[in-house]
Amino acid sequence: MKDLKHLIYFEQLLDNADNELVRKAAAEGNLAMGYTCYHVPEPILNVGNCFSVRLRAPHTGSIDIATYYMSNYTCEFARALTERAIEGGYQFLDAMIGVDACSMMNRAMEHFEILQVNDKPNFFVTHADIPFKITDYTLESYVKQMRYRVLDVMKEKLGADTSDEALRKAVEEHNEVCRILTEIGEMRKMENPPITGYEYHVLNLVSYTCPKALILPYLRETLAEIKKRKVDVKPWYRARVSIVGSEIDDPMLTKLIENCGAFVVSDRYCFGSTPGREVLELNDDDVLTQLCLHYMQHSECARYISDEKVQQRRDTADRLAREFGAEGIIYEQMKYCDYWGFERALVSHIMAEEKNWPVLSVDRLYNNGNSGQLRTRVQAFVESLEIKRIRKEGRTDGENSEIPQSGVLPHKEQHGLEGAGRKPEGSL
């Protein structure tokens, strides 16, 4: 497949939180609202002349300074954000919206505030409590938190238009982004799709980290391009996998997996499309209440501890894998992530024992510093899936079913990841 026209540009946008489109929006008088978690309903940060930037810390090297403040037993994502903030990497922000998602992110937001990492005169950090369960009283509390600690502060400090009309307009723009990404994502169900998992990951990430109004024209053009894209005669991949887990804001992890021959067909993780890129349906009732209820119902965060939510996370992983034709599931967690540490250990076992899914469970660093070990494990997993498929198809004779003593299957014609714009490099 030919390179996507804008793929290199999208990759460049992901190289820095303060990317070209963020700077362009700021130059036009718009205000950047930084946030770190799905639990902040994205549209409420895109009202009036405000736009949301979901924070990442791309190309993180040393996190020694953040480790000094937070210890080396805390989540590397929280430390990486803190390090980048101390370095001055978020000076472009006009506000930082934090939520009580986990104790480590709480500490990161606390350091944003205490260390005064932004010197803009009207810059502020605000925190909001979020629920553990879905009930009438937790919904009421959630709405109040988003109103009093987010919207009202944006209005007071920045003069933002936080009216219901502004919220509905933000939802319309949000929904267009979601419809485009959903349509592209659905193509991954095809046996020989015109999109790779890596490409989709990049497209999804830029929709979180760039101003919606400025990234939308590129997404529209890319959708039209993909619809007309000519695919190779044979699929390039050796196996189809679904990824489930914690925060993944680096598309290089997806590239690593696809370099090993596994097509990432569906995703359920933070910064992913499930949840996050589903269309928001509104009626004539209070807009903020509807938004909060939607985010509570669709959240797949391991923070939710009710039996219903625990089962929902398992059912969602199973459903996505089946709908998108996955042959196995990769459960991942970032090192020292408490919530997903418990979730992964339990759920990966259940998915294997009760739902009969081949499962690869991995514990990784934020910056994929363990890519060599991870690559080896993914390669072995892909080979096991391919062997299982060959045996299931009953191909015990002939060239295509030949399995060497080493256990490594002979490669079919190498289509690599040319469909990802370029064939990926051998190392990350």
Protein backbone atom coordinates (compact mmCIF):
# COMPACT_ATOMS: atom_id res chain seq x y z
CA MET A 1 0.00 0.00 0.00
CA LYS A 2 1.07 3.54 -0.67
CA ASP A 3 1.96 5.86 2.17
CA LEU A 4 -0.85 7.85 3.70
CA LYS A 5 -0.47 11.43 2.56
CA HIS A 6 -0.44 12.96 6.05
CA LEU A 7 1.09 10.13 8.09
CA ILE A 8 4.53 11.72 8.43
CA TYR A 9 2.89 15.01 9.43
CA PHE A 10 0.77 13.24 12.05
CA GLU A 11 3.89 11.57 13.44
CA GLN A 12 5.56 14.98 13.67
CA LEU A 13 2.57 16.37 15.57
CA LEU A 14 3.05 13.60 18.13
CA ASP A 15 6.73 14.42 18.64
CA ASN A 16 5.94 17.30 20.97
CA ALA A 17 2.98 18.22 23.18
CA ASP A 18 3.34 21.81 21.99
CA ASN A 19 2.92 20.83 18.36
CA GLU A 20 2.36 22.97 15.27
CA LEU A 21 -1.45 22.89 15.46
CA VAL A 22 -1.44 23.72 19.17
CA ARG A 23 0.78 26.73 18.47
CA LYS A 24 -1.45 27.78 15.58
CA ALA A 25 -4.57 27.63 17.73
CA ALA A 26 -2.85 29.64 20.46
CA ALA A 27 -1.74 32.26 17.94
CA GLU A 28 -5.39 32.66 16.95
CA GLY A 29 -6.27 33.53 20.54
CA ASN A 30 -7.47 30.12 21.71
CA LEU A 31 -6.66 28.63 25.11
CA ALA A 32 -5.06 25.22 25.73
CA MET A 33 -6.68 23.05 28.41
CA GLY A 34 -4.33 20.26 29.47
CA TYR A 35 -5.77 17.06 30.94
CA THR A 36 -4.59 13.53 31.58
CA CYS A 37 -7.58 11.26 31.96
CA TYR A 38 -10.71 10.01 30.22
CA HIS A 39 -12.69 10.90 33.35
CA VAL A 40 -12.68 14.55 32.28
CA PRO A 41 -15.42 14.62 29.61
CA GLU A 42 -13.49 15.88 26.60
CA PRO A 43 -16.17 18.23 25.18
CA ILE A 44 -16.30 20.39 28.31
CA LEU A 45 -12.70 21.46 27.65
CA ASN A 46 -13.56 22.50 24.09
CA VAL A 47 -16.15 25.18 24.84
CA GLY A 48 -15.86 28.69 23.48
CA ASN A 49 -12.27 29.55 22.56
CA CYS A 50 -10.81 26.68 24.58
CA PHE A 51 -9.37 23.44 23.22
CA SER A 52 -8.26 20.24 24.93
CA VAL A 53 -4.77 18.75 24.84
CA ARG A 54 -4.45 15.32 26.40
CA LEU A 55 -0.97 15.36 27.84
CA ARG A 56 1.82 13.03 26.84
CA ALA A 57 5.55 13.11 27.44
CA PRO A 58 6.96 11.89 24.12
CA HIS A 59 10.63 10.93 23.83
CA THR A 60 11.08 10.87 27.57
CA GLY A 61 14.67 10.23 28.63
CA SER A 62 15.68 10.53 32.24
CA ILE A 63 12.96 10.99 34.85
CA ASP A 64 15.39 11.42 37.72
CA ILE A 65 14.04 14.77 38.89
CA ALA A 66 10.45 13.49 39.03
CA THR A 67 11.68 10.34 40.76
CA TYR A 68 13.31 12.55 43.43
CA TYR A 69 9.89 14.03 44.16
CA MET A 70 7.75 10.91 43.67
CA SER A 71 10.06 7.86 44.28
CA ASN A 72 10.86 5.11 41.77
CA TYR A 73 7.91 2.98 42.86
CA THR A 74 5.32 5.19 41.22
CA CYS A 75 3.80 5.03 37.75
CA GLU A 76 6.27 6.10 35.07
CA PHE A 77 3.55 7.96 33.18
CA ALA A 78 2.91 10.20 36.20
CA ARG A 79 6.65 10.72 36.65
CA ALA A 80 7.22 11.43 32.97
CA LEU A 81 4.52 14.12 32.97
CA THR A 82 6.00 15.64 36.12
CA GLU A 83 9.50 15.60 34.64
CA ARG A 84 8.31 17.23 31.43
CA ALA A 85 6.43 19.89 33.43
CA ILE A 86 9.50 20.70 35.54
CA GLU A 87 11.54 20.98 32.34
CA GLY A 88 9.07 23.63 31.11
CA GLY A 89 7.47 21.41 28.48
CA TYR A 90 3.93 22.54 29.28
CA GLN A 91 4.44 26.30 29.27
CA PHE A 92 1.95 26.51 26.40
CA LEU A 93 -0.94 25.45 28.62
CA ASP A 94 -3.48 27.90 29.99
CA ALA A 95 -4.88 25.42 32.51
CA MET A 96 -4.30 21.93 33.85
CA ILE A 97 -7.37 19.84 34.64
CA GLY A 98 -6.69 16.95 37.00
CA VAL A 99 -8.97 14.28 38.43
CA ASP A 100 -8.73 11.98 41.40
CA ALA A 101 -8.10 8.95 39.20
CA CYS A 102 -5.27 7.38 41.17
CA SER A 103 -2.91 8.48 43.94
CA MET A 104 0.08 8.73 41.60
CA MET A 105 -1.61 11.08 39.15
CA ASN A 106 -2.87 13.05 42.14
CA ARG A 107 0.73 13.59 43.19
CA ALA A 108 1.70 14.58 39.64
CA MET A 109 -1.04 17.23 39.53
CA GLU A 110 -0.01 18.39 42.99
CA HIS A 111 3.53 18.97 41.75
CA PHE A 112 2.24 20.88 38.74
CA GLU A 113 0.70 23.29 41.21
CA ILE A 114 3.25 23.41 44.05
CA LEU A 115 6.29 23.70 41.78
CA GLN A 116 4.60 26.37 39.65
CA VAL A 117 5.57 24.72 36.38
CA ASN A 118 3.77 27.35 34.30
CA ASP A 119 4.35 31.09 34.63
CA LYS A 120 1.35 32.37 32.67
CA PRO A 121 -0.48 34.89 34.88
CA ASN A 122 -3.90 33.23 34.57
CA PHE A 123 -2.69 29.63 34.54
CA PHE A 124 -4.44 27.39 37.06
CA VAL A 125 -4.52 23.77 38.18
CA THR A 126 -7.81 22.32 39.33
CA HIS A 127 -8.69 18.91 40.70
CA ALA A 128 -12.00 17.07 40.61
CA ASP A 129 -13.25 13.99 42.43
CA ILE A 130 -14.64 11.17 40.32
CA PRO A 131 -16.78 8.16 41.28
CA PHE A 132 -15.93 4.51 41.86
CA LYS A 133 -19.46 3.30 41.07
CA ILE A 134 -22.47 4.35 39.02
CA THR A 135 -25.36 5.45 41.22
CA ASP A 136 -27.72 8.41 41.29
CA TYR A 137 -25.74 10.12 44.04
CA THR A 138 -22.33 9.51 42.41
CA LEU A 139 -23.67 10.94 39.14
CA GLU A 140 -24.94 14.00 40.99
CA SER A 141 -21.55 14.42 42.66
CA TYR A 142 -19.70 13.95 39.35
CA VAL A 143 -21.80 16.64 37.66
CA LYS A 144 -21.15 19.08 40.52
CA GLN A 145 -17.41 18.41 40.36
CA MET A 146 -17.29 19.07 36.60
CA ARG A 147 -19.41 22.20 37.02
CA TYR A 148 -17.81 23.79 40.08
CA ARG A 149 -14.22 22.63 39.73
CA VAL A 150 -13.84 22.73 35.95
CA LEU A 151 -16.38 24.77 34.00
CA ASP A 152 -16.92 27.49 36.59
CA VAL A 153 -13.16 27.88 37.10
CA MET A 154 -12.60 28.10 33.33
CA LYS A 155 -15.23 30.84 33.18
CA GLU A 156 -13.85 32.74 36.18
CA LYS A 157 -10.14 32.51 35.34
CA LEU A 158 -10.22 32.55 31.52
CA GLY A 159 -13.59 34.03 30.60
CA ALA A 160 -14.60 30.84 28.76
CA ASP A 161 -18.14 30.44 27.42
CA THR A 162 -19.49 27.51 29.44
CA SER A 163 -23.15 27.80 28.45
CA ASP A 164 -25.26 24.82 27.41
CA GLU A 165 -25.14 26.14 23.84
CA ALA A 166 -21.34 26.12 23.90
CA LEU A 167 -21.36 22.58 25.32
CA ARG A 168 -23.69 21.31 22.58
CA LYS A 169 -21.49 22.89 19.91
CA ALA A 170 -18.44 21.21 21.42
CA VAL A 171 -20.27 17.87 21.38
CA GLU A 172 -21.08 18.27 17.68
CA GLU A 173 -17.41 18.80 16.85
CA HIS A 174 -16.41 15.92 19.12
CA ASN A 175 -18.92 13.63 17.41
CA GLU A 176 -17.55 14.37 13.95
CA VAL A 177 -14.10 13.31 15.12
CA CYS A 178 -15.60 10.16 16.62
CA ARG A 179 -17.56 9.26 13.48
CA ILE A 180 -14.46 9.55 11.30
CA LEU A 181 -12.30 7.46 13.62
CA THR A 182 -15.05 4.88 14.10
CA GLU A 183 -15.49 4.50 10.35
CA ILE A 184 -11.75 4.08 9.87
CA GLY A 185 -11.50 1.74 12.84
CA GLU A 186 -14.29 -0.49 11.54
CA MET A 187 -12.16 -1.22 8.47
CA ARG A 188 -9.87 -3.25 10.71
CA LYS A 189 -12.55 -5.94 10.69
CA MET A 190 -11.66 -6.72 7.05
CA GLU A 191 -9.46 -9.68 6.24
CA ASN A 192 -7.21 -7.43 4.15
CA PRO A 193 -7.85 -3.92 5.52
CA PRO A 194 -6.65 -0.63 3.98
CA ILE A 195 -5.33 0.50 7.37
CA THR A 196 -2.83 -0.88 9.89
CA GLY A 197 -3.07 -0.81 13.66
CA TYR A 198 -0.12 1.56 13.81
CA GLU A 199 -1.72 4.02 11.41
CA TYR A 200 -4.96 3.92 13.35
CA HIS A 201 -3.14 4.48 16.62
CA VAL A 202 -1.44 7.58 15.18
CA LEU A 203 -4.73 8.96 13.84
CA ASN A 204 -6.44 8.39 17.17
CA LEU A 205 -3.66 10.04 19.16
CA VAL A 206 -3.59 13.23 17.09
CA SER A 207 -7.34 13.55 17.66
CA TYR A 208 -6.63 13.72 21.41
CA THR A 209 -3.59 15.98 21.31
CA CYS A 210 -4.48 18.55 18.64
CA PRO A 211 -7.22 21.20 18.50
CA LYS A 212 -10.33 19.55 17.05
CA ALA A 213 -11.11 22.32 14.56
CA LEU A 214 -7.60 22.18 13.10
CA ILE A 215 -7.13 18.40 12.95
CA LEU A 216 -10.59 17.69 11.50
CA PRO A 217 -9.75 18.68 7.87
CA TYR A 218 -6.80 16.28 7.93
CA LEU A 219 -8.94 13.47 9.36
CA ARG A 220 -11.64 14.01 6.73
CA GLU A 221 -9.07 13.90 3.94
CA THR A 222 -7.44 10.80 5.40
CA LEU A 223 -10.77 8.98 5.63
CA ALA A 224 -11.47 9.70 1.95
CA GLU A 225 -7.95 8.54 1.08
CA ILE A 226 -8.27 5.26 2.99
CA LYS A 227 -11.61 4.49 1.31
CA LYS A 228 -9.84 4.62 -2.07
CA ARG A 229 -6.61 2.99 -0.95
CA LYS A 230 -5.43 0.01 -2.97
CA VAL A 231 -4.31 -2.84 -0.75
CA ASP A 232 -1.74 -5.52 -1.49
CA VAL A 233 -2.99 -8.81 -2.90
CA LYS A 234 -2.26 -10.72 0.30
CA PRO A 235 -2.60 -9.52 3.89
CA TRP A 236 0.76 -8.61 5.38
CA TYR A 237 0.12 -9.96 8.88
CA ARG A 238 0.57 -13.43 10.39
CA ALA A 239 -1.96 -13.09 13.23
CA ARG A 240 -4.66 -10.72 14.49
CA VAL A 241 -4.57 -9.43 18.07
CA SER A 242 -6.52 -7.13 20.35
CA ILE A 243 -4.77 -4.95 22.96
CA VAL A 244 -6.34 -4.33 26.37
CA GLY A 245 -4.85 -2.47 29.30
CA SER A 246 -3.65 0.77 30.80
CA GLU A 247 -2.23 3.93 29.27
CA ILE A 248 -0.68 3.64 25.79
CA ASP A 249 0.19 7.02 24.34
CA ASP A 250 3.11 5.83 22.21
CA PRO A 251 2.25 4.37 18.80
CA MET A 252 5.71 2.79 18.72
CA LEU A 253 4.37 0.07 20.98
CA THR A 254 1.82 -0.81 18.31
CA LYS A 255 4.56 -0.65 15.68
CA LEU A 256 6.70 -3.04 17.75
CA ILE A 257 3.82 -5.52 17.88
CA GLU A 258 3.12 -5.21 14.17
CA ASN A 259 6.82 -5.57 13.35
CA CYS A 260 6.45 -9.01 14.90
CA GLY A 261 3.70 -9.89 12.42
CA ALA A 262 0.62 -9.21 14.54
CA PHE A 263 -2.07 -6.91 13.18
CA VAL A 264 -3.58 -4.86 16.04
CA VAL A 265 -7.25 -5.02 15.07
CA SER A 266 -8.89 -3.50 18.15
CA ASP A 267 -7.94 -1.57 21.24
CA ARG A 268 -9.27 -1.05 24.75
CA TYR A 269 -6.86 1.11 26.67
CA CYS A 270 -6.38 4.69 27.88
CA PHE A 271 -5.78 6.99 24.89
CA GLY A 272 -7.51 4.37 22.71
CA SER A 273 -10.75 4.39 20.77
CA THR A 274 -12.64 2.23 23.26
CA PRO A 275 -13.64 4.07 25.28
CA GLY A 276 -13.22 7.61 24.01
CA ARG A 277 -14.28 7.70 20.41
CA GLU A 278 -17.93 6.77 20.69
CA VAL A 279 -20.56 9.26 19.52
CA LEU A 280 -22.30 11.22 22.30
CA GLU A 281 -26.10 11.12 21.98
CA LEU A 282 -27.84 14.13 23.51
CA ASN A 283 -31.49 14.95 24.16
CA ASP A 284 -33.12 18.11 25.53
CA ASP A 285 -32.13 17.41 29.15
CA ASP A 286 -29.20 19.03 30.95
CA VAL A 287 -26.13 18.66 28.74
CA LEU A 288 -23.52 18.30 31.48
CA THR A 289 -25.50 15.58 33.24
CA GLN A 290 -25.80 13.64 30.00
CA LEU A 291 -22.07 13.96 29.34
CA CYS A 292 -21.12 12.79 32.81
CA LEU A 293 -23.51 9.83 32.65
CA HIS A 294 -22.10 8.79 29.27
CA TYR A 295 -18.52 8.87 30.54
CA MET A 296 -19.47 6.91 33.64
CA GLN A 297 -21.30 4.26 31.63
CA HIS A 298 -18.65 3.87 28.95
CA SER A 299 -15.59 4.06 31.18
CA GLU A 300 -13.53 0.88 31.14
CA CYS A 301 -11.15 2.11 33.82
CA ALA A 302 -10.05 -0.43 36.42
CA ARG A 303 -10.77 2.26 39.00
CA TYR A 304 -14.46 1.30 38.87
CA ILE A 305 -14.81 -1.46 41.43
CA SER A 306 -18.46 -2.50 41.27
CA ASP A 307 -19.23 -6.06 40.16
CA GLU A 308 -21.08 -4.70 37.12
CA LYS A 309 -18.06 -2.70 35.98
CA VAL A 310 -15.66 -5.57 36.57
CA GLN A 311 -17.81 -7.78 34.36
CA GLN A 312 -18.21 -4.99 31.80
CA ARG A 313 -14.44 -4.79 31.32
CA ARG A 314 -14.21 -8.53 30.70
CA ASP A 315 -17.19 -8.54 28.35
CA THR A 316 -15.83 -5.57 26.40
CA ALA A 317 -12.46 -7.25 25.87
CA ASP A 318 -14.19 -10.43 24.71
CA ARG A 319 -16.60 -8.57 22.44
CA LEU A 320 -13.94 -6.46 20.74
CA ALA A 321 -11.74 -9.47 20.09
CA ARG A 322 -14.64 -11.38 18.54
CA GLU A 323 -16.08 -8.50 16.50
CA PHE A 324 -12.72 -7.64 14.97
CA GLY A 325 -11.66 -11.21 14.32
CA ALA A 326 -8.74 -11.31 16.76
CA GLU A 327 -6.96 -14.60 17.35
CA GLY A 328 -5.46 -13.57 20.67
CA ILE A 329 -5.43 -10.80 23.26
CA ILE A 330 -2.48 -8.85 24.63
CA TYR A 331 -3.07 -7.59 28.17
CA GLU A 332 -0.63 -4.88 29.11
CA GLN A 333 0.00 -2.63 32.04
CA MET A 334 2.50 0.09 32.72
CA LYS A 335 4.88 -0.76 35.50
CA TYR A 336 3.62 0.21 38.96
CA CYS A 337 0.06 0.88 37.76
CA ASP A 338 -1.89 -0.34 40.79
CA TYR A 339 -5.32 -0.55 39.19
CA TRP A 340 -4.26 -2.42 36.09
CA GLY A 341 -1.78 -4.53 38.02
CA PHE A 342 -4.65 -6.21 39.84
CA GLU A 343 -6.90 -6.16 36.79
CA ARG A 344 -4.39 -7.71 34.39
CA ALA A 345 -3.42 -10.55 36.69
CA LEU A 346 -7.01 -11.57 37.28
CA VAL A 347 -8.63 -10.82 33.94
CA SER A 348 -5.92 -12.27 31.72
CA HIS A 349 -6.39 -15.54 33.61
CA ILE A 350 -10.18 -15.42 33.24
CA MET A 351 -9.98 -14.61 29.52
CA ALA A 352 -7.77 -17.63 29.00
CA GLU A 353 -9.51 -20.10 31.28
CA GLU A 354 -13.17 -19.10 30.93
CA LYS A 355 -13.37 -17.50 27.50
CA ASN A 356 -10.62 -19.59 25.86
CA TRP A 357 -8.60 -16.72 24.48
CA PRO A 358 -4.85 -17.08 23.96
CA VAL A 359 -3.48 -14.30 26.17
CA LEU A 360 -0.11 -12.58 26.39
CA SER A 361 0.28 -10.59 29.61
CA VAL A 362 3.00 -7.95 29.70
CA ASP A 363 4.38 -5.45 32.18
CA ARG A 364 6.14 -2.58 30.40
CA LEU A 365 8.01 0.64 30.96
CA TYR A 366 6.53 3.94 29.81
CA ASN A 367 9.19 4.55 27.19
CA ASN A 368 9.36 0.93 25.99
CA GLY A 369 12.91 0.65 27.23
CA ASN A 370 12.39 -3.10 27.49
CA SER A 371 11.52 -3.41 23.80
CA GLY A 372 14.01 -6.23 23.21
CA GLN A 373 12.41 -8.50 25.78
CA LEU A 374 8.94 -7.42 24.74
CA ARG A 375 9.70 -8.07 21.08
CA THR A 376 10.82 -11.61 21.86
CA ARG A 377 7.64 -12.34 23.81
CA VAL A 378 5.38 -10.90 21.13
CA GLN A 379 7.18 -12.88 18.42
CA ALA A 380 6.66 -16.10 20.35
CA PHE A 381 2.99 -15.22 20.88
CA VAL A 382 2.46 -14.52 17.18
CA GLU A 383 4.08 -17.83 16.25
CA SER A 384 1.84 -19.70 18.69
CA LEU A 385 -1.26 -18.06 17.21
CA GLU A 386 -0.16 -18.91 13.68
CA ILE A 387 0.53 -22.52 14.60
CA LYS A 388 -2.87 -22.78 16.30
CA ARG A 389 -4.61 -21.40 13.21
CA ILE A 390 -2.79 -23.78 10.88
CA ARG A 391 -3.70 -26.77 13.01
CA LYS A 392 -7.30 -25.61 13.31
CA GLU A 393 -7.53 -25.37 9.54
CA GLY A 394 -6.33 -28.95 9.33
CA ARG A 395 -3.36 -28.20 7.12
CA THR A 396 -1.08 -31.00 8.13
CA ASP A 397 0.49 -31.56 4.74
CA GLY A 398 2.04 -29.27 2.20
CA GLU A 399 4.40 -26.36 2.18
CA ASN A 400 2.13 -23.92 4.00
CA SER A 401 1.85 -26.12 7.07
CA GLU A 402 5.52 -26.88 7.47
CA ILE A 403 6.68 -26.11 10.99
CA PRO A 404 10.45 -26.30 11.56
CA GLN A 405 11.89 -27.95 14.64
CA SER A 406 12.79 -24.53 15.96
CA GLY A 407 9.10 -23.72 16.23
CA VAL A 408 9.49 -20.71 13.96
CA LEU A 409 7.12 -20.73 11.04
CA PRO A 410 8.42 -19.99 7.55
CA HIS A 411 7.57 -16.43 6.54
CA LYS A 412 5.13 -15.95 3.73
CA GLU A 413 5.70 -13.16 1.27
CA GLN A 414 6.83 -10.15 3.22
CA HIS A 415 4.40 -7.28 2.90
CA GLY A 416 5.83 -5.83 6.12
CA LEU A 417 4.04 -2.72 7.22
CA GLU A 418 4.12 -0.94 3.94
CA GLY A 419 0.49 -0.30 4.69
CA ALA A 420 1.59 1.76 7.65
CA GLY A 421 3.05 4.37 5.41
CA ARG A 422 6.52 2.82 5.42
CA LYS A 423 7.96 -0.47 6.47
CA PRO A 424 8.95 0.02 10.12
CA GLU A 425 12.51 -0.02 11.22
CA GLY A 426 13.81 -3.11 12.85
CA SER A 427 14.48 -1.40 16.15
CA LEU A 428 12.68 1.14 18.23
